[in-house]
């Protein structure tokens, strides 16, 4: 799946890849509580997840066969703490700076933030069903428009992608709804299906990867190389609720 990026006049250089990473588990995730832009830290399981995800990302996309960095890395994160903690789990062992960007924040879910899915279903059954069916019931409660989320997400990715050359890999640490809606915007899926139902939300501490392709008009076209990828530990079970000492 591919789509043209926004035009970026005079900026021929760009990163060689973009990896979008969802944050690790929080207490709100574990309780089925809607977070949105509420600033919740990772719980102990989330810290365990991001340590393993960070190691996998470094081994897969940073280190060469001799264990040395194969390219430069640029690390950007939502300024919400759960994403920042996830970003630092990847970046700190490499001595990299994490650049916070509010454009990478999760979708704002308005008055539903902090409520459990069960509570939302019981209090607003019609809007709950409409939301799950991608018909916009959450908009009656002050939620941010998905188109706006995708637009600010695509703007952020394209902006950071042009701040470095093709010897650099960009890593963006964010949130489930933001990643889904940003990807659908970058790939043009939201034009064909404006309900934003084409991609699901990724699992905690999982990632998607984009590769740019140069176009004759000076823009780049994004190609989806992987989606909802995670550490090998996921296949062994117990990822969402690990038994920690």
C-alpha atoms as a PDB file:
ATOM      1  CA  UNK A   1       0.000   0.000   0.000  1.00  0.00           C
ATOM      2  CA  UNK A   2       1.393   3.350  -0.992  1.00  0.00           C
ATOM      3  CA  UNK A   3       0.487   6.990  -1.261  1.00  0.00           C
ATOM      4  CA  UNK A   4       2.171  10.259  -2.090  1.00  0.00           C
ATOM      5  CA  UNK A   5       3.394  12.365   0.793  1.00  0.00           C
ATOM      6  CA  UNK A   6       2.629  16.032   1.096  1.00  0.00           C
ATOM      7  CA  UNK A   7       4.740  18.143  -1.214  1.00  0.00           C
ATOM      8  CA  UNK A   8       7.935  19.374   0.393  1.00  0.00           C
ATOM      9  CA  UNK A   9       9.487  21.869  -2.036  1.00  0.00           C
ATOM     10  CA  UNK A  10      13.247  22.047  -2.108  1.00  0.00           C
ATOM     11  CA  UNK A  11      13.724  19.148   0.294  1.00  0.00           C
ATOM     12  CA  UNK A  12      15.172  16.358  -1.805  1.00  0.00           C
ATOM     13  CA  UNK A  13      16.648  14.500   1.148  1.00  0.00           C
ATOM     14  CA  UNK A  14      14.647  12.351   3.519  1.00  0.00           C
ATOM     15  CA  UNK A  15      15.103   9.487   5.934  1.00  0.00           C
ATOM     16  CA  UNK A  16      15.438   5.965   4.574  1.00  0.00           C
ATOM     17  CA  UNK A  17      12.691   4.480   6.797  1.00  0.00           C
ATOM     18  CA  UNK A  18      10.046   5.375   9.389  1.00  0.00           C
ATOM     19  CA  UNK A  19       9.083   3.060  12.250  1.00  0.00           C
ATOM     20  CA  UNK A  20       5.911   3.929  14.196  1.00  0.00           C
ATOM     21  CA  UNK A  21       5.865   2.324  17.654  1.00  0.00           C
ATOM     22  CA  UNK A  22       2.901   2.067  20.030  1.00  0.00           C
ATOM     23  CA  UNK A  23       3.574   2.581  23.742  1.00  0.00           C
ATOM     24  CA  UNK A  24       3.613  -0.252  26.289  1.00  0.00           C
ATOM     25  CA  UNK A  25       0.734  -1.236  28.558  1.00  0.00           C
ATOM     26  CA  UNK A  26      -0.685   1.115  31.185  1.00  0.00           C
ATOM     27  CA  UNK A  27      -3.070   0.526  34.079  1.00  0.00           C
ATOM     28  CA  UNK A  28      -5.783   2.073  31.883  1.00  0.00           C
ATOM     29  CA  UNK A  29      -5.058  -0.462  29.120  1.00  0.00           C
ATOM     30  CA  UNK A  30      -5.247  -3.309  31.613  1.00  0.00           C
ATOM     31  CA  UNK A  31      -8.589  -2.071  32.974  1.00  0.00           C
ATOM     32  CA  UNK A  32     -10.144  -1.418  29.555  1.00  0.00           C
ATOM     33  CA  UNK A  33     -10.267   2.311  30.295  1.00  0.00           C
ATOM     34  CA  UNK A  34     -10.131   4.881  27.486  1.00  0.00           C
ATOM     35  CA  UNK A  35      -6.978   7.007  27.745  1.00  0.00           C
ATOM     36  CA  UNK A  36      -6.868   9.440  24.871  1.00  0.00           C
ATOM     37  CA  UNK A  37      -4.710  12.384  25.911  1.00  0.00           C
ATOM     38  CA  UNK A  38      -4.932  11.613  29.643  1.00  0.00           C
ATOM     39  CA  UNK A  39      -1.318  11.349  30.806  1.00  0.00           C
ATOM     40  CA  UNK A  40      -0.925   7.839  32.254  1.00  0.00           C
ATOM     41  CA  UNK A  41       2.482   6.154  32.825  1.00  0.00           C
ATOM     42  CA  UNK A  42       3.360   2.589  31.919  1.00  0.00           C
ATOM     43  CA  UNK A  43       2.617  -0.100  34.487  1.00  0.00           C
ATOM     44  CA  UNK A  44       5.088  -2.864  35.399  1.00  0.00           C
ATOM     45  CA  UNK A  45       3.929  -5.033  32.500  1.00  0.00           C
ATOM     46  CA  UNK A  46       4.300  -2.075  30.154  1.00  0.00           C
ATOM     47  CA  UNK A  47       7.868  -1.466  31.292  1.00  0.00           C
ATOM     48  CA  UNK A  48       8.632  -5.147  30.681  1.00  0.00           C
ATOM     49  CA  UNK A  49       7.093  -4.900  27.196  1.00  0.00           C
ATOM     50  CA  UNK A  50       9.030  -1.803  26.136  1.00  0.00           C
ATOM     51  CA  UNK A  51      12.351  -3.181  27.330  1.00  0.00           C
ATOM     52  CA  UNK A  52      11.866  -6.156  25.027  1.00  0.00           C
ATOM     53  CA  UNK A  53      10.479  -4.081  22.191  1.00  0.00           C
ATOM     54  CA  UNK A  54      13.393  -1.645  22.451  1.00  0.00           C
ATOM     55  CA  UNK A  55      15.900  -4.473  22.311  1.00  0.00           C
ATOM     56  CA  UNK A  56      14.167  -6.004  19.291  1.00  0.00           C
ATOM     57  CA  UNK A  57      14.045  -2.666  17.468  1.00  0.00           C
ATOM     58  CA  UNK A  58      17.746  -2.076  18.085  1.00  0.00           C
ATOM     59  CA  UNK A  59      18.670  -5.571  16.908  1.00  0.00           C
ATOM     60  CA  UNK A  60      16.441  -5.460  13.833  1.00  0.00           C
ATOM     61  CA  UNK A  61      16.911  -1.915  12.581  1.00  0.00           C
ATOM     62  CA  UNK A  62      19.973  -0.369  14.234  1.00  0.00           C
ATOM     63  CA  UNK A  63      22.786  -2.858  14.711  1.00  0.00           C
ATOM     64  CA  UNK A  64      24.622  -4.616  11.898  1.00  0.00           C
ATOM     65  CA  UNK A  65      25.941  -8.178  12.094  1.00  0.00           C
ATOM     66  CA  UNK A  66      28.906  -6.958  14.158  1.00  0.00           C
ATOM     67  CA  UNK A  67      26.678  -5.190  16.669  1.00  0.00           C
ATOM     68  CA  UNK A  68      27.523  -1.669  15.466  1.00  0.00           C
ATOM     69  CA  UNK A  69      25.028   1.011  14.415  1.00  0.00           C
ATOM     70  CA  UNK A  70      24.421   0.607  10.680  1.00  0.00           C
ATOM     71  CA  UNK A  71      22.917   4.082  10.205  1.00  0.00           C
ATOM     72  CA  UNK A  72      21.887   7.181  12.112  1.00  0.00           C
ATOM     73  CA  UNK A  73      18.680   7.266  14.134  1.00  0.00           C
ATOM     74  CA  UNK A  74      16.261  10.116  14.797  1.00  0.00           C
ATOM     75  CA  UNK A  75      13.803   9.531  17.665  1.00  0.00           C
ATOM     76  CA  UNK A  76      10.517  11.438  18.037  1.00  0.00           C
ATOM     77  CA  UNK A  77       7.777  10.842  20.604  1.00  0.00           C
ATOM     78  CA  UNK A  78       4.384  11.979  21.718  1.00  0.00           C
ATOM     79  CA  UNK A  79       4.883  14.189  24.752  1.00  0.00           C
ATOM     80  CA  UNK A  80       2.589  11.967  26.853  1.00  0.00           C
ATOM     81  CA  UNK A  81       4.557  10.026  29.457  1.00  0.00           C
ATOM     82  CA  UNK A  82       3.642   6.502  28.331  1.00  0.00           C
ATOM     83  CA  UNK A  83       5.049   7.186  24.857  1.00  0.00           C
ATOM     84  CA  UNK A  84       8.101   9.000  26.232  1.00  0.00           C
ATOM     85  CA  UNK A  85       8.900   6.040  28.506  1.00  0.00           C
ATOM     86  CA  UNK A  86       8.614   3.699  25.518  1.00  0.00           C
ATOM     87  CA  UNK A  87      10.864   5.929  23.418  1.00  0.00           C
ATOM     88  CA  UNK A  88      13.524   6.140  26.122  1.00  0.00           C
ATOM     89  CA  UNK A  89      13.574   2.343  26.495  1.00  0.00           C
ATOM     90  CA  UNK A  90      14.729   2.253  22.868  1.00  0.00           C
ATOM     91  CA  UNK A  91      16.850   5.410  22.730  1.00  0.00           C
ATOM     92  CA  UNK A  92      18.717   5.509  26.044  1.00  0.00           C
ATOM     93  CA  UNK A  93      20.941   2.444  25.415  1.00  0.00           C
ATOM     94  CA  UNK A  94      21.987   4.112  22.143  1.00  0.00           C
ATOM     95  CA  UNK A  95      22.659   7.486  23.758  1.00  0.00           C
ATOM     96  CA  UNK A  96      20.041   9.147  21.547  1.00  0.00           C
ATOM     97  CA  UNK A  97      17.967  12.226  22.285  1.00  0.00           C
ATOM     98  CA  UNK A  98      14.173  11.852  22.298  1.00  0.00           C
ATOM     99  CA  UNK A  99      12.363  14.774  20.611  1.00  0.00           C
ATOM    100  CA  UNK A 100       8.839  15.329  22.034  1.00  0.00           C
ATOM    101  CA  UNK A 101       6.216  16.530  19.547  1.00  0.00           C
ATOM    102  CA  UNK A 102       2.597  17.284  20.582  1.00  0.00           C
ATOM    103  CA  UNK A 103       1.437  16.500  17.020  1.00  0.00           C
ATOM    104  CA  UNK A 104       2.186  12.851  17.836  1.00  0.00           C
ATOM    105  CA  UNK A 105      -0.219  12.760  20.810  1.00  0.00           C
ATOM    106  CA  UNK A 106      -3.062  10.262  20.950  1.00  0.00           C
ATOM    107  CA  UNK A 107      -6.493  11.173  19.669  1.00  0.00           C
ATOM    108  CA  UNK A 108      -8.514  13.250  22.140  1.00  0.00           C
ATOM    109  CA  UNK A 109     -11.580  11.259  23.227  1.00  0.00           C
ATOM    110  CA  UNK A 110     -13.300  14.130  25.023  1.00  0.00           C
ATOM    111  CA  UNK A 111     -15.687  13.270  27.859  1.00  0.00           C
ATOM    112  CA  UNK A 112     -15.134   9.538  27.407  1.00  0.00           C
ATOM    113  CA  UNK A 113     -11.544   9.692  28.619  1.00  0.00           C
ATOM    114  CA  UNK A 114     -11.014   7.897  31.919  1.00  0.00           C
ATOM    115  CA  UNK A 115     -14.160   5.789  31.523  1.00  0.00           C
ATOM    116  CA  UNK A 116     -14.168   2.028  31.029  1.00  0.00           C
ATOM    117  CA  UNK A 117     -15.613   0.541  27.867  1.00  0.00           C
ATOM    118  CA  UNK A 118     -18.266  -1.187  29.992  1.00  0.00           C
ATOM    119  CA  UNK A 119     -19.326   2.154  31.498  1.00  0.00           C
ATOM    120  CA  UNK A 120     -19.514   3.787  28.078  1.00  0.00           C
ATOM    121  CA  UNK A 121     -21.579   0.897  26.732  1.00  0.00           C
ATOM    122  CA  UNK A 122     -24.012   1.049  29.662  1.00  0.00           C
ATOM    123  CA  UNK A 123     -24.449   4.845  29.734  1.00  0.00           C
ATOM    124  CA  UNK A 124     -24.434   5.567  25.996  1.00  0.00           C
ATOM    125  CA  UNK A 125     -25.312   2.279  24.242  1.00  0.00           C
ATOM    126  CA  UNK A 126     -26.235   3.812  20.883  1.00  0.00           C
ATOM    127  CA  UNK A 127     -23.137   5.991  20.691  1.00  0.00           C
ATOM    128  CA  UNK A 128     -20.984   3.078  21.845  1.00  0.00           C
ATOM    129  CA  UNK A 129     -22.265   0.826  19.050  1.00  0.00           C
ATOM    130  CA  UNK A 130     -21.878   3.677  16.566  1.00  0.00           C
ATOM    131  CA  UNK A 131     -18.267   4.231  17.687  1.00  0.00           C
ATOM    132  CA  UNK A 132     -17.355   0.541  17.361  1.00  0.00           C
ATOM    133  CA  UNK A 133     -19.023   0.498  13.944  1.00  0.00           C
ATOM    134  CA  UNK A 134     -16.928   3.480  12.754  1.00  0.00           C
ATOM    135  CA  UNK A 135     -20.010   5.691  12.451  1.00  0.00           C
ATOM    136  CA  UNK A 136     -18.845   8.480  14.771  1.00  0.00           C
ATOM    137  CA  UNK A 137     -20.841   8.074  17.979  1.00  0.00           C
ATOM    138  CA  UNK A 138     -17.861   9.270  20.006  1.00  0.00           C
ATOM    139  CA  UNK A 139     -18.109  12.668  18.301  1.00  0.00           C
ATOM    140  CA  UNK A 140     -21.202  13.396  20.422  1.00  0.00           C
ATOM    141  CA  UNK A 141     -18.900  13.457  23.454  1.00  0.00           C
ATOM    142  CA  UNK A 142     -16.177  15.824  22.284  1.00  0.00           C
ATOM    143  CA  UNK A 143     -13.828  13.388  20.552  1.00  0.00           C
ATOM    144  CA  UNK A 144     -11.280  14.725  18.069  1.00  0.00           C
ATOM    145  CA  UNK A 145     -12.138  14.148  14.415  1.00  0.00           C
ATOM    146  CA  UNK A 146     -10.157  11.238  12.953  1.00  0.00           C
ATOM    147  CA  UNK A 147      -9.349  13.333   9.897  1.00  0.00           C
ATOM    148  CA  UNK A 148      -7.675  15.911  12.109  1.00  0.00           C
ATOM    149  CA  UNK A 149      -5.684  13.212  13.913  1.00  0.00           C
ATOM    150  CA  UNK A 150      -4.510  11.754  10.609  1.00  0.00           C
ATOM    151  CA  UNK A 151      -3.663  15.201   9.233  1.00  0.00           C
ATOM    152  CA  UNK A 152      -1.514  16.258  12.192  1.00  0.00           C
ATOM    153  CA  UNK A 153       0.095  12.828  12.262  1.00  0.00           C
ATOM    154  CA  UNK A 154       0.973  12.894   8.566  1.00  0.00           C
ATOM    155  CA  UNK A 155       2.283  16.439   8.939  1.00  0.00           C
ATOM    156  CA  UNK A 156       4.564  15.366  11.792  1.00  0.00           C
ATOM    157  CA  UNK A 157       5.893  12.289   9.985  1.00  0.00           C
ATOM    158  CA  UNK A 158       6.583  14.182   6.756  1.00  0.00           C
ATOM    159  CA  UNK A 159       8.178  17.052   8.664  1.00  0.00           C
ATOM    160  CA  UNK A 160      10.585  14.869  10.651  1.00  0.00           C
ATOM    161  CA  UNK A 161      11.257  12.641   7.634  1.00  0.00           C
ATOM    162  CA  UNK A 162      12.731  15.624   5.779  1.00  0.00           C
ATOM    163  CA  UNK A 163      14.942  16.811   8.634  1.00  0.00           C
ATOM    164  CA  UNK A 164      17.612  14.178   7.939  1.00  0.00           C
ATOM    165  CA  UNK A 165      19.216  12.436   4.979  1.00  0.00           C
ATOM    166  CA  UNK A 166      18.941   8.900   3.629  1.00  0.00           C
ATOM    167  CA  UNK A 167      21.555   7.684   6.095  1.00  0.00           C
ATOM    168  CA  UNK A 168      18.982   8.067   8.901  1.00  0.00           C
ATOM    169  CA  UNK A 169      16.110   5.922  10.210  1.00  0.00           C
ATOM    170  CA  UNK A 170      13.223   7.752  11.904  1.00  0.00           C
ATOM    171  CA  UNK A 171      11.515   6.185  14.938  1.00  0.00           C
ATOM    172  CA  UNK A 172       8.216   7.706  16.112  1.00  0.00           C
ATOM    173  CA  UNK A 173       6.722   6.575  19.436  1.00  0.00           C
ATOM    174  CA  UNK A 174       3.002   7.161  19.745  1.00  0.00           C
ATOM    175  CA  UNK A 175      -0.415   5.613  20.387  1.00  0.00           C
ATOM    176  CA  UNK A 176      -2.882   3.130  18.915  1.00  0.00           C
ATOM    177  CA  UNK A 177      -5.487   5.418  17.356  1.00  0.00           C
ATOM    178  CA  UNK A 178      -2.876   7.963  16.251  1.00  0.00           C
ATOM    179  CA  UNK A 179      -0.802   5.330  14.433  1.00  0.00           C
ATOM    180  CA  UNK A 180      -3.844   3.795  12.737  1.00  0.00           C
ATOM    181  CA  UNK A 181      -5.240   7.135  11.558  1.00  0.00           C
ATOM    182  CA  UNK A 182      -1.844   8.513  10.559  1.00  0.00           C
ATOM    183  CA  UNK A 183      -1.007   5.428   8.512  1.00  0.00           C
ATOM    184  CA  UNK A 184      -4.375   5.518   6.747  1.00  0.00           C
ATOM    185  CA  UNK A 185      -3.749   9.161   5.860  1.00  0.00           C
ATOM    186  CA  UNK A 186      -0.174   8.626   4.652  1.00  0.00           C
ATOM    187  CA  UNK A 187      -1.177   5.597   2.564  1.00  0.00           C
ATOM    188  CA  UNK A 188      -4.283   7.223   1.081  1.00  0.00           C
ATOM    189  CA  UNK A 189      -6.633   4.661   2.614  1.00  0.00           C
ATOM    190  CA  UNK A 190      -8.720   7.383   4.245  1.00  0.00           C
ATOM    191  CA  UNK A 191      -9.560   8.788   0.803  1.00  0.00           C
ATOM    192  CA  UNK A 192     -11.058   5.473  -0.304  1.00  0.00           C
ATOM    193  CA  UNK A 193     -12.577   4.643   3.087  1.00  0.00           C
ATOM    194  CA  UNK A 194     -13.139   7.879   5.057  1.00  0.00           C
ATOM    195  CA  UNK A 195     -14.475   5.997   8.085  1.00  0.00           C
ATOM    196  CA  UNK A 196     -10.854   5.040   8.947  1.00  0.00           C
ATOM    197  CA  UNK A 197     -11.823   1.384   9.384  1.00  0.00           C
ATOM    198  CA  UNK A 198      -9.102  -0.056   7.118  1.00  0.00           C
ATOM    199  CA  UNK A 199      -6.516  -0.666   9.862  1.00  0.00           C
ATOM    200  CA  UNK A 200      -6.945  -1.903  13.406  1.00  0.00           C
ATOM    201  CA  UNK A 201      -5.093  -0.537  16.412  1.00  0.00           C
ATOM    202  CA  UNK A 202      -1.772  -2.308  16.972  1.00  0.00           C
ATOM    203  CA  UNK A 203      -0.908  -4.196  20.143  1.00  0.00           C
ATOM    204  CA  UNK A 204       1.037  -2.492  22.913  1.00  0.00           C
ATOM    205  CA  UNK A 205       4.765  -2.113  22.179  1.00  0.00           C
ATOM    206  CA  UNK A 206       4.303  -3.200  18.547  1.00  0.00           C
ATOM    207  CA  UNK A 207       5.278  -1.267  15.451  1.00  0.00           C
ATOM    208  CA  UNK A 208       4.668  -0.519  11.779  1.00  0.00           C
ATOM    209  CA  UNK A 209       7.371   0.339   9.257  1.00  0.00           C
ATOM    210  CA  UNK A 210       7.272   2.634   6.228  1.00  0.00           C
ATOM    211  CA  UNK A 211       9.764   2.900   3.365  1.00  0.00           C
ATOM    212  CA  UNK A 212       9.831   6.040   1.168  1.00  0.00           C
ATOM    213  CA  UNK A 213       9.912   5.965  -2.621  1.00  0.00           C
ATOM    214  CA  UNK A 214      11.029   9.067  -4.525  1.00  0.00           C
ATOM    215  CA  UNK A 215       8.615  10.529  -7.068  1.00  0.00           C
ATOM    216  CA  UNK A 216       9.511  12.552 -10.211  1.00  0.00           C
ATOM    217  CA  UNK A 217       7.790  15.666  -8.812  1.00  0.00           C
ATOM    218  CA  UNK A 218      10.065  15.744  -5.761  1.00  0.00           C
ATOM    219  CA  UNK A 219       7.580  14.236  -3.313  1.00  0.00           C
ATOM    220  CA  UNK A 220       7.914  10.842  -1.683  1.00  0.00           C
ATOM    221  CA  UNK A 221       5.481   7.957  -1.694  1.00  0.00           C
ATOM    222  CA  UNK A 222       5.130   5.872   1.455  1.00  0.00           C
ATOM    223  CA  UNK A 223       5.160   2.062   1.211  1.00  0.00           C
ATOM    224  CA  UNK A 224       3.978  -0.108   4.121  1.00  0.00           C
ATOM    225  CA  UNK A 225       6.677  -2.697   4.858  1.00  0.00           C
ATOM    226  CA  UNK A 226       5.238  -4.188   8.067  1.00  0.00           C
ATOM    227  CA  UNK A 227       2.326  -3.701  10.455  1.00  0.00           C
ATOM    228  CA  UNK A 228       1.634  -4.813  14.042  1.00  0.00           C
ATOM    229  CA  UNK A 229       5.063  -6.401  14.333  1.00  0.00           C
ATOM    230  CA  UNK A 230       6.444  -7.199  17.777  1.00  0.00           C
ATOM    231  CA  UNK A 231       9.265  -8.938  19.619  1.00  0.00           C
ATOM    232  CA  UNK A 232       9.698 -12.681  19.323  1.00  0.00           C
ATOM    233  CA  UNK A 233       8.589 -12.906  22.965  1.00  0.00           C
ATOM    234  CA  UNK A 234       5.021 -12.265  21.790  1.00  0.00           C
ATOM    235  CA  UNK A 235       4.864 -15.684  20.169  1.00  0.00           C
ATOM    236  CA  UNK A 236       5.591 -17.337  23.505  1.00  0.00           C
ATOM    237  CA  UNK A 237       2.367 -16.020  25.039  1.00  0.00           C
ATOM    238  CA  UNK A 238       1.787 -13.810  28.050  1.00  0.00           C
ATOM    239  CA  UNK A 239       2.531 -10.538  26.255  1.00  0.00           C
ATOM    240  CA  UNK A 240      -0.578  -8.609  27.300  1.00  0.00           C
ATOM    241  CA  UNK A 241      -0.468  -9.817  30.916  1.00  0.00           C
ATOM    242  CA  UNK A 242       2.983 -11.261  31.702  1.00  0.00           C
ATOM    243  CA  UNK A 243       3.677 -13.058  34.963  1.00  0.00           C
ATOM    244  CA  UNK A 244       6.342 -10.826  36.432  1.00  0.00           C
ATOM    245  CA  UNK A 245       8.403 -11.588  39.559  1.00  0.00           C
END
